[in-house]
Amino acid sequence: MSLADGHLFWIASRSAGIVALILSSASVALGLIQSRRMLRVRLPELRSVHEALSIATMAAIVFHGGILLGDDFVRPSVLDLLVPFAGSYQPVWTAIGICSGWAIVVLGLSYYLRGRIGVARWRALHRFTALAWLAGLVHSLGEGTDAGQVWFLAAVGIAVLPALCLLLASTLEPRPSIRRAP
């Protein structure tokens, strides 16, 4: 049986999902490094890399879902791919993936609207990207065809652990208290 015998779209989707997870993990890690000023590197250079990783992640997510329209096994409709719980294939894991995908795309594109919504509001909103990334990780581990494979878990560990450690450090880091005048 060759790839063209019905599995090409599924394999392409799996590949794009793995790429999206790796890219988003790198983007989250870099974003956390930037926000904490952990590196002594000029921020514009990091910002452009973070932006490129974010755009590549969004493209991989769109491809991950869109290529499934050609799959002969699941046979999803456009609605199944865009609306949580609309499809019948593993509805909970798929819904988590759809919500994560939408959140990553909306939060990623919100960068270009920060002038209209205000930088402070945008930064507060952008912090939810970590939750969207975690939901994507849950989707990958719950629904992914390769989720139980050693190679997949090793690759996910290599890609995800740095970002996860930075996120935990950021979450556990005490925030400086802001004193307000009476």
Protein backbone atom coordinates (compact mmCIF):
# COMPACT_ATOMS: atom_id res chain seq x y z
CA MET A 1 0.00 0.00 0.00
CA SER A 2 1.46 3.36 -0.98
CA LEU A 3 0.90 6.73 0.67
CA ALA A 4 -1.40 7.70 -2.17
CA ASP A 5 -3.75 4.85 -1.23
CA GLY A 6 -5.71 7.01 1.18
CA HIS A 7 -3.20 7.81 3.90
CA LEU A 8 -1.39 10.75 2.33
CA PHE A 9 -3.75 13.38 3.78
CA TRP A 10 -3.68 11.78 7.24
CA ILE A 11 0.12 11.60 7.25
CA ALA A 12 0.40 15.19 6.00
CA SER A 13 -1.95 16.33 8.76
CA ARG A 14 -0.01 14.43 11.43
CA SER A 15 3.22 15.95 10.16
CA ALA A 16 1.80 19.46 10.17
CA GLY A 17 0.45 18.94 13.68
CA ILE A 18 3.88 17.88 14.92
CA VAL A 19 5.47 20.85 13.17
CA ALA A 20 2.87 23.17 14.72
CA LEU A 21 3.61 21.80 18.19
CA ILE A 22 7.37 22.22 17.76
CA LEU A 23 7.07 25.73 16.30
CA SER A 24 4.57 26.86 18.92
CA SER A 25 6.77 25.48 21.70
CA ALA A 26 9.73 27.45 20.36
CA SER A 27 7.59 30.56 20.01
CA VAL A 28 6.22 30.27 23.56
CA ALA A 29 9.72 29.73 24.95
CA LEU A 30 11.10 32.71 23.07
CA GLY A 31 8.14 34.86 24.10
CA LEU A 32 8.69 33.98 27.75
CA ILE A 33 12.42 34.70 27.44
CA GLN A 34 11.59 38.08 25.90
CA SER A 35 9.00 38.97 28.51
CA ARG A 36 11.40 38.14 31.34
CA ARG A 37 14.39 39.79 29.66
CA MET A 38 16.45 36.63 30.26
CA LEU A 39 18.84 37.19 27.39
CA ARG A 40 21.13 40.14 26.86
CA VAL A 41 20.18 40.32 23.19
CA ARG A 42 18.62 43.22 21.36
CA LEU A 43 14.86 42.75 21.60
CA PRO A 44 13.99 43.71 17.99
CA GLU A 45 15.98 40.69 16.80
CA LEU A 46 14.11 38.37 19.15
CA ARG A 47 10.78 39.97 18.33
CA SER A 48 11.16 39.24 14.62
CA VAL A 49 12.12 35.60 15.31
CA HIS A 50 9.16 35.25 17.71
CA GLU A 51 6.87 36.77 15.08
CA ALA A 52 8.18 34.44 12.36
CA LEU A 53 7.72 31.39 14.61
CA SER A 54 4.17 32.53 15.42
CA ILE A 55 3.24 32.99 11.76
CA ALA A 56 4.76 29.62 10.85
CA THR A 57 2.81 28.02 13.72
CA MET A 58 -0.45 29.51 12.47
CA ALA A 59 0.26 28.29 8.93
CA ALA A 60 1.05 24.78 10.21
CA ILE A 61 -2.19 24.74 12.24
CA VAL A 62 -4.27 25.80 9.23
CA PHE A 63 -2.55 23.16 7.09
CA HIS A 64 -2.95 20.53 9.86
CA GLY A 65 -6.73 20.93 9.81
CA GLY A 66 -7.28 21.89 6.17
CA ILE A 67 -5.44 18.94 4.63
CA LEU A 68 -7.84 16.59 6.43
CA LEU A 69 -10.55 17.64 3.97
CA GLY A 70 -8.94 15.15 1.58
CA ASP A 71 -8.83 12.30 4.10
CA ASP A 72 -10.87 9.23 3.13
CA PHE A 73 -11.10 7.76 6.64
CA VAL A 74 -12.40 10.61 8.81
CA ARG A 75 -14.03 12.53 5.94
CA PRO A 76 -14.51 15.76 7.88
CA SER A 77 -16.54 18.67 6.60
CA VAL A 78 -15.35 22.26 6.84
CA LEU A 79 -17.74 22.66 9.78
CA ASP A 80 -16.18 19.63 11.52
CA LEU A 81 -12.77 21.31 11.29
CA LEU A 82 -13.86 24.78 12.40
CA VAL A 83 -16.49 24.21 15.10
CA PRO A 84 -15.79 22.32 18.33
CA PHE A 85 -17.97 19.19 18.77
CA ALA A 86 -19.41 19.46 15.25
CA GLY A 87 -17.65 16.29 14.10
CA SER A 88 -17.99 12.75 15.37
CA TYR A 89 -14.31 11.69 15.28
CA GLN A 90 -12.92 11.79 18.84
CA PRO A 91 -15.07 14.84 19.63
CA VAL A 92 -13.45 15.86 22.94
CA TRP A 93 -9.83 15.72 21.73
CA THR A 94 -10.77 17.30 18.42
CA ALA A 95 -12.69 20.09 20.17
CA ILE A 96 -9.67 20.81 22.36
CA GLY A 97 -7.53 21.01 19.22
CA ILE A 98 -10.00 23.28 17.43
CA CYS A 99 -10.28 25.62 20.42
CA SER A 100 -6.50 25.66 20.78
CA GLY A 101 -6.03 26.35 17.08
CA TRP A 102 -8.53 29.19 17.04
CA ALA A 103 -7.02 30.69 20.19
CA ILE A 104 -3.48 30.54 18.82
CA VAL A 105 -4.54 32.13 15.53
CA VAL A 106 -6.65 34.87 17.14
CA LEU A 107 -4.07 35.64 19.82
CA GLY A 108 -1.25 35.56 17.27
CA LEU A 109 -3.03 37.93 14.92
CA SER A 110 -3.94 40.24 17.81
CA TYR A 111 -0.31 41.42 17.69
CA TYR A 112 -1.22 43.39 14.57
CA LEU A 113 -4.14 45.06 16.38
CA ARG A 114 -2.26 46.09 19.52
CA GLY A 115 -2.27 49.74 18.41
CA ARG A 116 -6.07 49.71 18.30
CA ILE A 117 -6.73 47.71 21.45
CA GLY A 118 -3.89 49.23 23.45
CA VAL A 119 -0.56 47.68 24.30
CA ALA A 120 -1.48 47.00 27.94
CA ARG A 121 -4.70 45.20 26.94
CA TRP A 122 -2.88 43.32 24.22
CA ARG A 123 -0.19 42.12 26.66
CA ALA A 124 -2.86 40.94 29.10
CA LEU A 125 -4.66 39.14 26.26
CA HIS A 126 -1.43 37.71 24.86
CA ARG A 127 -0.70 35.89 28.12
CA PHE A 128 -3.51 33.48 27.23
CA THR A 129 -1.33 32.18 24.40
CA ALA A 130 0.37 29.88 26.91
CA LEU A 131 -3.00 28.30 27.76
CA ALA A 132 -3.77 27.83 24.07
CA TRP A 133 -0.37 26.20 23.61
CA LEU A 134 -1.00 23.88 26.57
CA ALA A 135 -4.39 22.94 25.08
CA GLY A 136 -2.61 22.11 21.81
CA LEU A 137 -0.24 19.88 23.75
CA VAL A 138 -3.19 18.13 25.42
CA HIS A 139 -4.77 17.67 21.96
CA SER A 140 -1.52 16.16 20.64
CA LEU A 141 -1.17 13.74 23.52
CA GLY A 142 -4.85 12.81 23.60
CA GLU A 143 -5.77 12.43 19.97
CA GLY A 144 -2.51 12.16 18.15
CA THR A 145 -2.02 8.93 16.23
CA ASP A 146 1.58 8.90 17.39
CA ALA A 147 0.90 9.92 21.01
CA GLY A 148 2.01 6.61 22.50
CA GLN A 149 5.11 6.21 20.36
CA VAL A 150 8.49 6.61 22.07
CA TRP A 151 9.89 8.73 19.22
CA PHE A 152 6.92 11.10 19.46
CA LEU A 153 7.13 11.44 23.24
CA ALA A 154 10.88 12.07 22.99
CA ALA A 155 10.40 14.71 20.29
CA VAL A 156 7.60 16.35 22.25
CA GLY A 157 9.73 16.31 25.38
CA ILE A 158 12.65 17.97 23.61
CA ALA A 159 10.39 20.62 22.09
CA VAL A 160 8.02 21.20 24.99
CA LEU A 161 10.10 20.89 28.17
CA PRO A 162 12.08 24.12 27.74
CA ALA A 163 8.90 26.14 27.18
CA LEU A 164 7.11 24.31 29.99
CA CYS A 165 9.96 25.01 32.43
CA LEU A 166 10.02 28.68 31.44
CA LEU A 167 6.24 28.87 31.86
CA LEU A 168 6.42 27.29 35.31
CA ALA A 169 9.25 29.62 36.33
CA SER A 170 7.27 32.58 35.04
CA THR A 171 4.13 31.47 36.85
CA LEU A 172 5.91 30.79 40.14
CA GLU A 173 8.00 33.96 40.00
CA PRO A 174 6.79 36.48 42.56
CA ARG A 175 5.43 39.63 40.98
CA PRO A 176 6.67 42.93 42.33
CA SER A 177 3.95 44.64 44.31
CA ILE A 178 2.72 47.92 42.95
CA ARG A 179 2.30 50.60 45.57
CA ARG A 180 -0.37 53.10 44.87
CA ALA A 181 -0.58 56.45 46.51
CA PRO A 182 -3.66 56.90 48.71
